[in-house]
N, C-alpha and C. Protein backbone atom coordinates (compact mmCIF):
# COMPACT_ATOMS: atom_id res chain seq x y z
N UNK A 1 -52.62 -43.97 44.58
CA UNK A 1 -53.14 -42.39 43.72
C UNK A 1 -54.20 -42.70 42.75
N UNK A 2 -54.00 -43.46 42.48
CA UNK A 2 -55.20 -43.76 41.04
C UNK A 2 -56.40 -44.32 41.53
N UNK A 3 -56.60 -44.66 42.64
CA UNK A 3 -57.91 -45.03 43.84
C UNK A 3 -58.55 -43.57 44.27
N UNK A 4 -57.53 -42.65 44.70
CA UNK A 4 -57.94 -41.15 45.13
C UNK A 4 -58.29 -40.80 44.07
N UNK A 5 -57.77 -40.87 42.79
CA UNK A 5 -58.43 -40.15 41.69
C UNK A 5 -59.86 -40.33 41.16
N UNK A 6 -59.82 -42.04 41.15
CA UNK A 6 -61.13 -42.21 41.09
C UNK A 6 -62.05 -41.90 41.80
N UNK A 7 -61.84 -41.76 42.89
CA UNK A 7 -63.11 -41.44 43.90
C UNK A 7 -63.23 -39.90 44.11
N UNK A 8 -62.31 -39.05 43.80
CA UNK A 8 -62.23 -37.80 43.68
C UNK A 8 -63.25 -37.77 42.10
N UNK A 9 -63.00 -38.40 41.36
CA UNK A 9 -63.66 -37.88 39.71
C UNK A 9 -65.15 -38.59 40.19
N UNK A 10 -65.25 -39.68 40.65
CA UNK A 10 -67.01 -39.88 41.40
C UNK A 10 -67.52 -38.82 41.77
N UNK A 11 -66.85 -38.43 43.35
CA UNK A 11 -67.75 -37.18 43.82
C UNK A 11 -68.03 -36.47 43.40
N UNK A 12 -66.83 -35.78 41.85
CA UNK A 12 -67.19 -34.79 41.18
C UNK A 12 -68.13 -34.72 40.13
N UNK A 13 -68.43 -36.02 39.85
CA UNK A 13 -69.62 -36.64 38.82
C UNK A 13 -71.04 -36.51 39.68
N UNK A 14 -70.86 -37.24 40.99
CA UNK A 14 -72.18 -36.86 41.79
C UNK A 14 -72.22 -35.39 42.04
N UNK A 15 -71.38 -34.70 42.23
CA UNK A 15 -72.04 -32.99 42.16
C UNK A 15 -72.39 -32.56 40.89
N UNK A 16 -71.59 -32.74 39.88
CA UNK A 16 -72.30 -32.29 38.69
C UNK A 16 -73.80 -32.90 38.39
N UNK A 17 -74.12 -33.87 38.98
CA UNK A 17 -75.51 -34.67 38.74
C UNK A 17 -76.37 -33.76 39.65
N UNK A 18 -75.97 -33.42 40.71
CA UNK A 18 -77.04 -32.90 41.58
C UNK A 18 -77.34 -31.56 41.70
N UNK A 19 -76.16 -30.78 40.67
CA UNK A 19 -76.44 -29.52 39.82
C UNK A 19 -77.47 -29.55 38.93
N UNK A 20 -77.12 -30.40 38.28
CA UNK A 20 -78.48 -31.03 37.63
C UNK A 20 -79.94 -30.82 37.85
N UNK A 21 -80.11 -31.94 38.94
CA UNK A 21 -81.32 -32.07 39.80
C UNK A 21 -81.62 -30.82 40.50
N UNK A 22 -80.61 -30.13 40.86
CA UNK A 22 -81.70 -28.85 41.03
C UNK A 22 -81.62 -27.90 40.22
N UNK A 23 -81.25 -27.87 39.08
CA UNK A 23 -81.67 -26.73 38.06
C UNK A 23 -82.87 -27.63 37.45
N UNK A 24 -83.25 -28.78 37.38
CA UNK A 24 -84.56 -29.57 37.00
C UNK A 24 -85.97 -29.49 37.78
N UNK A 25 -85.49 -29.05 39.35
CA UNK A 25 -86.55 -29.22 40.13
C UNK A 25 -86.87 -27.69 40.42
N UNK A 26 -86.01 -26.76 40.36
CA UNK A 26 -86.27 -25.10 40.45
C UNK A 26 -86.61 -24.59 39.49
N UNK A 27 -88.27 -23.84 39.59
CA UNK A 27 -88.62 -23.16 38.07
C UNK A 27 -88.38 -22.39 37.81
N UNK A 28 -88.36 -22.75 36.49
CA UNK A 28 -87.57 -21.55 35.40
C UNK A 28 -86.25 -21.38 35.40
N UNK A 29 -85.42 -22.36 36.30
CA UNK A 29 -84.15 -22.08 36.15
C UNK A 29 -83.44 -23.21 35.44
N UNK A 30 -83.86 -24.61 35.31
CA UNK A 30 -83.45 -25.55 34.51
C UNK A 30 -83.87 -25.80 33.05
N UNK A 31 -85.24 -25.72 33.30
CA UNK A 31 -86.20 -25.34 31.77
C UNK A 31 -86.96 -24.06 32.06
N UNK A 32 -86.68 -23.23 30.91
CA UNK A 32 -86.94 -22.15 30.82
C UNK A 32 -88.05 -21.93 29.54
N UNK A 33 -89.58 -21.50 30.04
CA UNK A 33 -90.37 -21.83 28.76
C UNK A 33 -90.18 -20.40 27.87
N UNK A 34 -89.79 -20.64 26.46
CA UNK A 34 -89.81 -19.82 25.39
C UNK A 34 -90.71 -20.36 23.97
N UNK A 35 -92.06 -19.54 24.20
CA UNK A 35 -92.76 -20.60 22.84
C UNK A 35 -93.19 -21.57 23.56
N UNK A 36 -93.36 -23.06 22.28
CA UNK A 36 -93.58 -24.34 22.68
C UNK A 36 -92.40 -24.75 23.48
N UNK A 37 -91.28 -24.50 23.09
CA UNK A 37 -89.85 -24.74 23.35
C UNK A 37 -89.47 -24.43 24.81
N UNK A 38 -88.77 -25.37 25.56
CA UNK A 38 -88.15 -24.35 26.81
C UNK A 38 -86.71 -24.92 26.57
N UNK A 39 -86.02 -23.39 26.68
CA UNK A 39 -84.63 -22.92 26.69
C UNK A 39 -84.27 -24.11 28.15
N UNK A 40 -82.94 -24.21 28.19
CA UNK A 40 -82.22 -25.13 29.29
C UNK A 40 -81.23 -24.62 29.73
N UNK A 41 -80.80 -24.74 30.92
CA UNK A 41 -79.36 -24.78 31.55
C UNK A 41 -78.56 -25.56 31.69
N UNK A 42 -78.79 -27.19 31.67
CA UNK A 42 -78.95 -28.21 32.38
C UNK A 42 -77.51 -28.69 31.26
N UNK A 43 -77.12 -28.08 30.28
CA UNK A 43 -76.09 -28.47 29.32
C UNK A 43 -75.11 -28.16 30.25
N UNK A 44 -75.28 -27.08 30.78
CA UNK A 44 -74.09 -26.54 31.34
C UNK A 44 -72.95 -27.57 32.17
N UNK A 45 -73.65 -28.06 33.47
CA UNK A 45 -72.51 -29.09 33.87
C UNK A 45 -72.08 -30.46 33.19
N UNK A 46 -73.07 -30.61 32.48
CA UNK A 46 -72.37 -31.75 31.06
C UNK A 46 -71.35 -31.25 30.50
N UNK A 47 -71.26 -30.24 29.82
CA UNK A 47 -70.45 -29.41 29.12
C UNK A 47 -69.26 -29.29 29.77
N UNK A 48 -69.30 -29.15 30.78
CA UNK A 48 -68.02 -28.70 31.74
C UNK A 48 -67.59 -30.07 32.30
N UNK A 49 -68.61 -30.87 32.64
CA UNK A 49 -67.97 -32.58 33.24
C UNK A 49 -66.97 -33.21 31.87
N UNK A 50 -67.70 -32.95 30.57
CA UNK A 50 -67.16 -33.51 29.56
C UNK A 50 -65.61 -32.99 29.17
N UNK A 51 -65.12 -31.70 29.91
CA UNK A 51 -64.00 -31.54 29.51
C UNK A 51 -63.10 -31.84 31.04
N UNK A 52 -63.52 -31.79 31.64
CA UNK A 52 -62.86 -31.82 33.24
C UNK A 52 -62.61 -33.42 33.13
N UNK A 53 -63.76 -34.48 33.40
CA UNK A 53 -63.57 -35.53 33.34
C UNK A 53 -63.80 -36.63 32.16
N UNK A 54 -63.86 -36.08 30.90
CA UNK A 54 -63.63 -36.53 29.80
C UNK A 54 -65.22 -37.25 29.26
N UNK A 55 -65.24 -38.10 27.78
CA UNK A 55 -66.29 -37.98 27.28
C UNK A 55 -66.97 -39.05 27.84
N UNK A 56 -66.72 -40.04 28.65
CA UNK A 56 -67.49 -40.96 29.13
C UNK A 56 -68.31 -40.74 30.32
N UNK A 57 -67.71 -39.64 30.91
CA UNK A 57 -68.55 -39.15 32.67
C UNK A 57 -69.32 -38.34 31.78
N UNK A 58 -69.28 -37.39 30.70
CA UNK A 58 -69.67 -36.68 30.07
C UNK A 58 -70.85 -37.21 29.11
N UNK A 59 -70.79 -37.92 28.77
CA UNK A 59 -72.08 -39.03 28.02
C UNK A 59 -72.88 -39.47 28.87
N UNK A 60 -72.38 -40.08 30.05
CA UNK A 60 -73.21 -40.44 31.49
C UNK A 60 -74.18 -39.43 31.49
N UNK A 61 -73.29 -38.26 32.04
CA UNK A 61 -74.45 -37.02 32.62
C UNK A 61 -75.31 -36.43 31.50
N UNK A 62 -75.05 -36.54 30.02
CA UNK A 62 -75.78 -36.29 29.01
C UNK A 62 -76.83 -36.97 28.90
N UNK A 63 -76.64 -38.38 29.17
CA UNK A 63 -77.89 -39.37 29.23
C UNK A 63 -78.71 -39.02 30.30
N UNK A 64 -78.25 -38.57 31.59
CA UNK A 64 -79.22 -38.44 32.71
C UNK A 64 -79.65 -36.93 32.58
N UNK A 65 -79.17 -36.22 31.60
CA UNK A 65 -80.08 -35.03 31.28
C UNK A 65 -81.12 -35.59 30.17
N UNK A 66 -80.95 -36.25 29.51
CA UNK A 66 -82.01 -36.89 28.71
C UNK A 66 -83.08 -37.66 29.39
N UNK A 67 -82.51 -38.28 30.22
CA UNK A 67 -83.53 -39.05 31.11
C UNK A 67 -84.59 -38.00 32.03
N UNK A 68 -83.75 -37.02 32.69
CA UNK A 68 -84.29 -35.93 33.10
C UNK A 68 -85.25 -35.36 32.49
N UNK A 69 -85.07 -34.75 31.03
CA UNK A 69 -85.85 -34.32 30.47
C UNK A 69 -87.34 -35.25 29.78
N UNK A 70 -87.08 -36.10 29.87
CA UNK A 70 -88.12 -37.49 29.40
C UNK A 70 -88.87 -37.73 30.45
N UNK A 71 -88.40 -37.66 31.81
CA UNK A 71 -89.07 -37.55 32.69
C UNK A 71 -90.32 -36.13 33.17
N UNK A 72 -89.31 -35.09 32.97
CA UNK A 72 -90.44 -33.79 33.16
C UNK A 72 -91.42 -33.80 32.13
N UNK A 73 -91.04 -34.37 30.96
CA UNK A 73 -91.73 -34.11 29.92
C UNK A 73 -93.35 -35.27 29.94
N UNK A 74 -92.76 -36.20 30.46
CA UNK A 74 -93.73 -37.30 30.83
C UNK A 74 -95.05 -36.65 32.02
N UNK A 75 -94.13 -36.29 33.18
CA UNK A 75 -95.08 -35.59 34.49
C UNK A 75 -95.95 -34.35 33.95
N UNK A 76 -95.00 -33.76 33.37
CA UNK A 76 -95.58 -31.71 33.37
C UNK A 76 -95.73 -31.83 31.78
N UNK A 77 -97.10 -32.25 31.09
CA UNK A 77 -97.49 -32.41 30.12
C UNK A 77 -97.38 -30.95 29.20
N UNK A 78 -96.76 -30.70 28.33
CA UNK A 78 -96.84 -29.30 27.63
C UNK A 78 -97.08 -30.06 25.99
N UNK A 79 -97.61 -28.67 25.00
CA UNK A 79 -97.52 -29.18 23.80
C UNK A 79 -96.59 -29.84 22.82
N UNK A 80 -95.27 -29.80 23.58
CA UNK A 80 -94.11 -30.27 22.71
C UNK A 80 -93.56 -31.63 23.35
N UNK A 81 -94.36 -32.09 24.48
CA UNK A 81 -94.04 -33.42 25.34
C UNK A 81 -93.65 -34.43 24.54
N UNK A 82 -94.84 -34.74 23.44
CA UNK A 82 -94.64 -35.59 22.60
C UNK A 82 -93.43 -36.09 21.87
N UNK A 83 -92.52 -35.11 21.96
CA UNK A 83 -91.17 -34.86 20.99
C UNK A 83 -90.43 -35.55 22.13
N UNK A 84 -90.84 -35.46 23.27
CA UNK A 84 -89.36 -35.82 24.13
C UNK A 84 -89.99 -37.02 25.65
N UNK A 85 -91.03 -37.75 25.08
CA UNK A 85 -91.56 -38.58 25.96
C UNK A 85 -92.25 -39.37 25.23
N UNK A 86 -91.40 -40.48 25.15
CA UNK A 86 -92.19 -41.75 24.32
C UNK A 86 -93.66 -42.53 25.00
N UNK A 87 -94.21 -41.85 26.14
CA UNK A 87 -95.55 -42.09 26.83
C UNK A 87 -96.25 -40.92 26.41
N UNK A 88 -96.28 -39.89 25.84
CA UNK A 88 -97.03 -38.84 25.53
C UNK A 88 -97.42 -38.85 23.91
N UNK A 89 -98.55 -38.68 23.59
CA UNK A 89 -99.39 -38.88 22.36
C UNK A 89 -99.31 -37.24 21.97
N UNK A 90 -99.16 -36.47 20.90
CA UNK A 90 -99.54 -35.57 20.63
C UNK A 90 -100.77 -34.78 21.13
N UNK A 91 -101.20 -33.55 21.67
CA UNK A 91 -102.36 -33.04 22.23
C UNK A 91 -103.55 -33.48 20.93
N UNK A 92 -104.18 -33.49 21.75
CA UNK A 92 -105.71 -33.43 20.76
C UNK A 92 -105.93 -34.79 19.68
N UNK A 93 -105.26 -35.91 20.05
CA UNK A 93 -104.69 -36.91 19.17
C UNK A 93 -105.40 -38.16 20.44
N UNK A 94 -105.58 -39.44 19.86
CA UNK A 94 -106.11 -40.31 20.97
C UNK A 94 -105.02 -41.83 20.39
N UNK A 95 -103.93 -41.35 19.80
CA UNK A 95 -102.77 -42.37 19.87
C UNK A 95 -102.03 -42.26 20.74
N UNK A 96 -101.07 -43.22 20.86
CA UNK A 96 -100.01 -43.34 22.00
C UNK A 96 -98.55 -42.46 21.78
N UNK A 97 -97.93 -42.55 22.51
CA UNK A 97 -96.42 -41.82 22.10
C UNK A 97 -95.53 -42.93 21.03
N UNK A 98 -94.58 -42.19 20.62
CA UNK A 98 -93.79 -42.64 19.61
C UNK A 98 -92.56 -43.19 20.40
N UNK A 99 -91.49 -44.05 19.94
CA UNK A 99 -90.41 -44.47 20.45
C UNK A 99 -89.14 -43.66 19.51
N UNK A 100 -89.49 -42.90 18.59
CA UNK A 100 -88.74 -41.94 18.18
C UNK A 100 -88.69 -40.49 19.06
N UNK A 101 -89.59 -40.66 20.01
CA UNK A 101 -89.02 -39.41 21.14
C UNK A 101 -87.82 -39.45 21.78
N UNK A 102 -87.24 -41.05 21.97
CA UNK A 102 -86.10 -41.37 22.49
C UNK A 102 -84.79 -40.96 21.79
N UNK A 103 -85.14 -41.08 20.59
CA UNK A 103 -83.90 -40.28 19.63
C UNK A 103 -83.85 -38.55 19.91
N UNK A 104 -85.09 -38.24 19.84
CA UNK A 104 -84.62 -36.57 20.26
C UNK A 104 -84.29 -36.50 21.40
N UNK A 105 -84.77 -36.95 22.67
CA UNK A 105 -84.56 -36.69 24.28
C UNK A 105 -82.86 -37.32 24.33
N UNK A 106 -82.35 -38.28 23.89
CA UNK A 106 -81.64 -38.75 24.26
C UNK A 106 -80.24 -38.52 23.72
N UNK A 107 -80.22 -38.99 22.35
CA UNK A 107 -78.82 -38.72 21.28
C UNK A 107 -78.29 -37.51 21.61
N UNK A 108 -79.29 -36.24 21.41
CA UNK A 108 -78.41 -34.93 21.21
C UNK A 108 -77.55 -34.99 22.96
N UNK A 109 -78.24 -35.44 24.00
CA UNK A 109 -77.88 -34.79 24.80
C UNK A 109 -76.78 -35.94 25.35
N UNK A 110 -76.53 -37.01 25.00
CA UNK A 110 -75.35 -37.88 25.10
C UNK A 110 -74.21 -37.12 24.34
N UNK A 111 -74.47 -36.64 23.35
CA UNK A 111 -73.24 -35.83 22.85
C UNK A 111 -72.87 -34.54 23.07
N UNK A 112 -73.76 -33.83 23.81
CA UNK A 112 -73.36 -32.66 24.51
C UNK A 112 -72.29 -32.72 25.53
N UNK A 113 -72.34 -34.40 25.98
CA UNK A 113 -70.97 -34.91 26.87
C UNK A 113 -70.12 -35.30 25.89
N UNK A 114 -70.14 -35.40 24.99
CA UNK A 114 -68.83 -36.26 24.25
C UNK A 114 -68.00 -34.95 23.26
N UNK A 115 -69.14 -34.14 22.37
CA UNK A 115 -68.26 -33.58 21.62
C UNK A 115 -67.76 -32.43 22.09
N UNK A 116 -67.82 -31.76 23.11
CA UNK A 116 -66.62 -30.82 23.84
C UNK A 116 -65.85 -31.21 24.23
N UNK A 117 -65.64 -32.24 24.81
CA UNK A 117 -64.27 -32.77 25.02
C UNK A 117 -63.18 -32.85 24.04
N UNK A 118 -63.48 -33.32 22.66
CA UNK A 118 -62.79 -33.48 21.67
C UNK A 118 -62.71 -32.27 21.00
N UNK A 119 -63.52 -31.37 20.91
CA UNK A 119 -63.46 -29.98 20.66
C UNK A 119 -62.54 -29.62 21.21
N UNK A 120 -62.49 -29.42 22.58
CA UNK A 120 -61.54 -28.84 23.38
C UNK A 120 -59.88 -29.28 23.12
N UNK A 121 -60.12 -30.76 23.17
CA UNK A 121 -58.46 -31.29 22.95
C UNK A 121 -58.02 -30.99 21.53
N UNK A 122 -58.77 -30.81 20.80
CA UNK A 122 -58.47 -30.48 18.91
C UNK A 122 -57.81 -29.09 18.73
N UNK A 123 -58.77 -28.04 19.58
CA UNK A 123 -58.61 -26.77 19.64
C UNK A 123 -56.85 -26.70 20.67
N UNK A 124 -56.84 -27.30 21.73
CA UNK A 124 -55.54 -27.36 22.53
C UNK A 124 -54.33 -27.76 21.60
N UNK A 125 -54.65 -28.52 20.58
CA UNK A 125 -53.46 -28.96 19.96
C UNK A 125 -53.24 -28.01 18.67
N UNK A 126 -54.41 -27.59 18.07
CA UNK A 126 -54.37 -26.35 17.15
C UNK A 126 -53.41 -25.20 17.63
N UNK A 127 -53.68 -24.80 18.77
CA UNK A 127 -52.93 -23.63 19.49
C UNK A 127 -51.38 -24.24 20.35
N UNK A 128 -51.19 -25.23 20.20
CA UNK A 128 -49.77 -25.72 20.82
C UNK A 128 -50.31 -25.87 22.12
N UNK A 129 -51.13 -25.99 22.96
CA UNK A 129 -51.52 -25.95 24.45
C UNK A 129 -51.56 -24.52 24.53
N UNK A 130 -51.57 -23.49 23.67
CA UNK A 130 -51.94 -22.06 24.17
C UNK A 130 -53.48 -21.61 23.85
N UNK A 131 -53.48 -20.55 24.58
CA UNK A 131 -55.02 -20.10 24.40
C UNK A 131 -56.11 -21.12 24.84
N UNK A 132 -56.13 -21.32 26.05
CA UNK A 132 -57.01 -22.72 26.66
C UNK A 132 -58.24 -21.63 27.01
N UNK A 133 -58.26 -20.58 27.50
CA UNK A 133 -59.57 -19.57 27.11
C UNK A 133 -60.54 -19.84 25.99
N UNK A 134 -59.65 -19.64 24.98
CA UNK A 134 -60.56 -19.93 23.88
C UNK A 134 -61.13 -21.06 23.31
N UNK A 135 -60.03 -22.16 23.70
CA UNK A 135 -60.35 -23.39 23.34
C UNK A 135 -61.66 -23.82 24.57
N UNK A 136 -61.53 -23.48 25.88
CA UNK A 136 -62.68 -23.78 26.43
C UNK A 136 -63.92 -23.33 25.96
N UNK A 137 -63.89 -21.73 25.65
CA UNK A 137 -65.04 -20.92 24.95
C UNK A 137 -65.78 -21.97 23.62
N UNK A 138 -64.61 -22.28 22.94
CA UNK A 138 -65.35 -22.73 21.57
C UNK A 138 -65.97 -24.18 22.16
N UNK A 139 -65.22 -24.86 22.80
CA UNK A 139 -65.77 -26.26 23.21
C UNK A 139 -67.09 -26.02 24.17
N UNK A 140 -67.29 -25.16 24.86
CA UNK A 140 -68.47 -24.82 25.35
C UNK A 140 -69.30 -24.44 24.61
N UNK A 141 -69.49 -23.57 23.30
CA UNK A 141 -69.81 -23.09 22.48
C UNK A 141 -70.36 -24.49 21.59
N UNK A 142 -69.47 -25.23 21.32
CA UNK A 142 -70.07 -26.34 20.52
C UNK A 142 -71.13 -27.42 21.26
N UNK A 143 -70.69 -27.52 22.62
CA UNK A 143 -71.91 -28.12 23.28
C UNK A 143 -73.27 -27.26 23.34
N UNK A 144 -73.48 -26.31 23.17
CA UNK A 144 -74.79 -25.66 22.93
C UNK A 144 -75.27 -25.87 21.57
N UNK A 145 -74.32 -25.77 20.68
CA UNK A 145 -75.04 -25.67 19.29
C UNK A 145 -75.62 -27.20 18.89
N UNK A 146 -74.30 -28.26 19.64
CA UNK A 146 -75.16 -29.59 19.25
C UNK A 146 -76.50 -29.89 19.95
N UNK A 147 -76.60 -29.53 21.15
CA UNK A 147 -77.94 -29.45 21.62
C UNK A 147 -79.26 -29.12 20.67
N UNK A 148 -79.05 -27.73 20.70
CA UNK A 148 -80.49 -27.11 19.94
C UNK A 148 -80.16 -27.49 18.56
N UNK A 149 -79.05 -27.18 17.48
CA UNK A 149 -79.14 -27.74 16.52
C UNK A 149 -79.84 -29.25 16.00
N UNK A 150 -79.27 -30.39 16.63
CA UNK A 150 -79.66 -31.84 17.10
C UNK A 150 -81.24 -31.78 17.25
N UNK A 151 -81.17 -31.57 17.96
CA UNK A 151 -82.97 -31.54 19.07
C UNK A 151 -83.82 -30.92 17.95
N UNK A 152 -83.43 -29.76 17.64
CA UNK A 152 -84.79 -29.02 16.35
C UNK A 152 -84.62 -29.50 15.15
N UNK A 153 -83.55 -30.00 14.76
CA UNK A 153 -83.91 -31.07 13.54
C UNK A 153 -84.39 -32.53 13.32
N UNK A 154 -84.02 -32.67 14.74
CA UNK A 154 -84.51 -34.18 14.93
C UNK A 154 -86.05 -34.09 15.12
N UNK A 155 -86.77 -33.14 15.87
CA UNK A 155 -88.23 -32.70 15.71
C UNK A 155 -88.92 -32.64 14.47
N UNK A 156 -88.15 -32.20 13.58
CA UNK A 156 -87.95 -31.87 11.97
C UNK A 156 -88.72 -33.10 11.42
N UNK A 157 -87.42 -33.62 11.59
CA UNK A 157 -87.31 -35.10 10.36
C UNK A 157 -88.41 -36.12 11.02
N UNK A 158 -88.50 -36.21 12.49
CA UNK A 158 -89.09 -37.60 13.32
C UNK A 158 -90.65 -36.84 13.15
N UNK A 159 -91.05 -35.55 13.80
CA UNK A 159 -92.36 -34.95 14.24
C UNK A 159 -92.64 -33.76 13.30
N UNK A 160 -92.39 -33.75 11.94
CA UNK A 160 -92.69 -32.71 11.23
C UNK A 160 -94.10 -32.10 11.06
N UNK A 161 -95.36 -33.42 10.90
CA UNK A 161 -96.33 -33.32 10.98
C UNK A 161 -97.22 -32.62 12.49
N UNK A 162 -96.51 -33.15 13.42
CA UNK A 162 -96.98 -32.88 14.70
C UNK A 162 -96.48 -31.47 15.22
N UNK A 163 -95.52 -31.03 14.83
CA UNK A 163 -94.92 -29.83 15.04
C UNK A 163 -95.91 -28.79 14.74
N UNK A 164 -95.89 -29.03 13.01
CA UNK A 164 -96.66 -28.18 12.67
C UNK A 164 -97.92 -27.88 12.85
N UNK A 165 -98.78 -28.88 13.92
CA UNK A 165 -100.18 -28.80 14.08
C UNK A 165 -99.75 -27.93 15.51
N UNK A 166 -98.47 -27.92 16.54
CA UNK A 166 -98.65 -27.18 17.73
C UNK A 166 -98.33 -26.07 16.80
N UNK A 167 -97.45 -25.79 15.86
CA UNK A 167 -97.57 -24.27 15.53
C UNK A 167 -98.58 -23.70 14.77
N UNK A 168 -99.19 -24.45 14.21
CA UNK A 168 -100.92 -23.79 13.63
C UNK A 168 -99.94 -23.39 11.87
N UNK A 169 -98.90 -24.03 11.65
CA UNK A 169 -98.07 -23.71 10.30
C UNK A 169 -98.05 -25.18 8.93
N UNK A 170 -97.50 -24.81 8.44
CA UNK A 170 -97.46 -25.82 7.43
C UNK A 170 -96.39 -25.70 6.23
N UNK A 171 -96.17 -26.56 5.21
CA UNK A 171 -95.02 -26.01 4.71
C UNK A 171 -93.52 -26.08 5.11
N UNK A 172 -93.12 -25.00 4.04
CA UNK A 172 -91.84 -24.40 4.50
C UNK A 172 -91.51 -23.75 5.78
N UNK A 173 -93.06 -22.77 6.09
CA UNK A 173 -93.28 -22.20 7.66
C UNK A 173 -92.69 -23.12 8.52
N UNK A 174 -92.60 -24.29 8.82
CA UNK A 174 -92.37 -24.95 10.04
C UNK A 174 -90.72 -24.99 9.85
N UNK A 175 -89.96 -25.19 8.74
CA UNK A 175 -88.64 -25.05 8.88
C UNK A 175 -88.13 -23.91 9.42
N UNK A 176 -88.89 -22.94 8.91
CA UNK A 176 -88.54 -21.76 9.27
C UNK A 176 -88.79 -21.32 10.88
N UNK A 177 -89.71 -22.09 11.48
CA UNK A 177 -90.14 -22.11 12.79
C UNK A 177 -88.66 -22.56 13.62
N UNK A 178 -88.15 -23.30 12.85
CA UNK A 178 -87.15 -24.61 13.39
C UNK A 178 -85.62 -23.69 13.33
N UNK A 179 -85.76 -22.92 12.32
CA UNK A 179 -84.37 -21.96 12.40
C UNK A 179 -84.66 -20.81 13.29
N UNK A 180 -85.92 -20.46 13.47
CA UNK A 180 -85.76 -19.26 14.08
C UNK A 180 -86.03 -19.62 15.83
N UNK A 181 -86.18 -20.97 16.28
CA UNK A 181 -85.98 -21.55 17.37
C UNK A 181 -83.97 -21.58 17.64
N UNK A 182 -83.33 -22.08 16.72
CA UNK A 182 -82.23 -22.32 16.68
C UNK A 182 -81.20 -21.08 17.07
N UNK A 183 -81.99 -19.95 16.09
CA UNK A 183 -81.16 -18.51 16.22
C UNK A 183 -81.66 -17.99 17.52
N UNK A 184 -82.70 -17.72 17.77
CA UNK A 184 -83.13 -17.30 19.11
C UNK A 184 -82.78 -17.74 20.63
N UNK A 185 -83.12 -19.17 20.25
CA UNK A 185 -82.57 -19.88 21.47
C UNK A 185 -81.40 -20.37 21.66
N UNK A 186 -80.90 -21.05 20.41
CA UNK A 186 -79.98 -21.73 20.42
C UNK A 186 -78.17 -20.83 20.43
N UNK A 187 -78.42 -19.72 20.14
CA UNK A 187 -77.17 -18.95 19.99
C UNK A 187 -76.99 -18.56 21.53
N UNK A 188 -77.76 -18.31 22.25
CA UNK A 188 -77.69 -17.65 23.58
C UNK A 188 -77.25 -18.99 24.37
N UNK A 189 -77.90 -19.88 24.23
CA UNK A 189 -77.50 -21.13 25.27
C UNK A 189 -76.18 -21.38 24.85
N UNK A 190 -75.78 -21.85 23.68
CA UNK A 190 -74.30 -21.78 23.04
C UNK A 190 -73.12 -21.16 23.74
N UNK A 191 -73.63 -19.37 23.73
CA UNK A 191 -72.80 -18.21 24.31
C UNK A 191 -72.71 -18.67 25.70
N UNK A 192 -73.74 -19.01 26.30
CA UNK A 192 -73.78 -18.86 27.51
C UNK A 192 -72.41 -20.32 28.29
N UNK A 193 -73.31 -21.31 27.25
CA UNK A 193 -72.28 -22.69 27.54
C UNK A 193 -70.61 -22.41 27.10
N UNK A 194 -70.54 -21.59 26.33
CA UNK A 194 -69.19 -21.09 26.01
C UNK A 194 -68.26 -20.21 27.15
N UNK A 195 -69.13 -19.49 27.79
CA UNK A 195 -68.45 -18.56 28.68
C UNK A 195 -68.50 -19.07 30.40
N UNK A 196 -69.91 -20.07 30.52
CA UNK A 196 -69.64 -20.83 31.79
C UNK A 196 -68.46 -21.91 31.19
N UNK A 197 -68.07 -22.60 30.53
CA UNK A 197 -67.03 -23.67 30.28
C UNK A 197 -65.50 -22.42 30.38
N UNK A 198 -65.71 -21.26 29.97
CA UNK A 198 -64.44 -21.11 29.77
C UNK A 198 -63.84 -20.40 31.27
N UNK A 199 -65.15 -20.24 32.00
CA UNK A 199 -64.83 -19.58 33.68
C UNK A 199 -64.69 -20.97 34.34
N UNK A 200 -65.86 -21.44 34.31
CA UNK A 200 -65.74 -22.79 35.42
C UNK A 200 -64.56 -24.19 35.18
N UNK A 201 -64.46 -24.22 34.04
CA UNK A 201 -64.07 -25.63 33.75
C UNK A 201 -62.26 -25.35 33.68
N UNK A 202 -62.08 -24.06 33.63
CA UNK A 202 -60.75 -23.51 33.43
C UNK A 202 -60.21 -23.72 34.90
N UNK A 203 -61.04 -23.07 35.82
CA UNK A 203 -60.79 -23.55 37.48
C UNK A 203 -60.87 -24.97 37.98
N UNK A 204 -61.28 -25.78 37.29
CA UNK A 204 -61.38 -27.23 37.45
C UNK A 204 -60.26 -27.68 37.50
N UNK A 205 -59.83 -27.64 35.89
CA UNK A 205 -58.80 -28.06 35.10
C UNK A 205 -57.77 -27.68 35.78
N UNK A 206 -57.52 -26.29 36.36
CA UNK A 206 -56.13 -26.02 37.07
C UNK A 206 -56.30 -26.51 38.55
N UNK A 207 -57.45 -26.82 39.12
CA UNK A 207 -57.32 -27.47 40.60
C UNK A 207 -57.06 -28.76 40.41
N UNK A 208 -57.30 -29.49 39.16
CA UNK A 208 -57.14 -30.84 39.15
C UNK A 208 -55.59 -31.22 39.03
N UNK A 209 -55.27 -30.31 38.35
CA UNK A 209 -53.62 -30.36 37.89
C UNK A 209 -52.73 -30.43 38.96
N UNK A 210 -53.15 -28.92 39.78
CA UNK A 210 -52.61 -29.01 40.56
C UNK A 210 -52.81 -30.28 41.92
N UNK A 211 -53.64 -31.02 42.36
CA UNK A 211 -54.05 -31.94 42.95
C UNK A 211 -53.04 -32.85 42.53
N UNK A 212 -52.82 -33.43 41.29
CA UNK A 212 -52.11 -34.29 40.44
C UNK A 212 -50.61 -34.19 41.11
N UNK A 213 -50.17 -33.13 41.51
CA UNK A 213 -48.81 -32.66 41.69
C UNK A 213 -48.57 -33.33 43.04
N UNK A 214 -49.46 -33.21 43.81
CA UNK A 214 -49.23 -33.33 45.55
C UNK A 214 -49.08 -34.63 45.48
């Protein structure tokens, strides 16, 4: 029984990864250009996997998300690629890439696959295993927030000068631009994450519970 469960979880993990690769390769589906930063939908499979399969699998898929993003920014260079790939220098400079890009591209994405699981578990305990829909929505929301807030703040603290050059801004205007991205991009991503989680994760959790009874 345990072996069958492990095989099923492995198949489901492969399915989530396949969805991520599909989103990443289809233009304007996984990465949607909005100004210098791209909005993304790749966080959705990671969030759902975190809740359904646990933080280890979620963290693994989050790491895959980060790796996909790094490869994409290395191959398809944009003005912001320097913040997501250690192999790409800021445009207009003769320098090399920075290891700090690994922090930006990997840490938030791994946490997308970890935080929602614990938020969901905490919410279910808070409501005494009632209100699953709200718990799933809140967990999905948290994944979107973690992604945008951490990525944008890490860019600010690690690449403030380079980001200012991309924007053509300086001083406090740079962080206002960061806040603008968080509000205009982060909020929609978080809401979509919450809705997707409340819908898809609820079905998968119910299916897995019924499967364990068989």
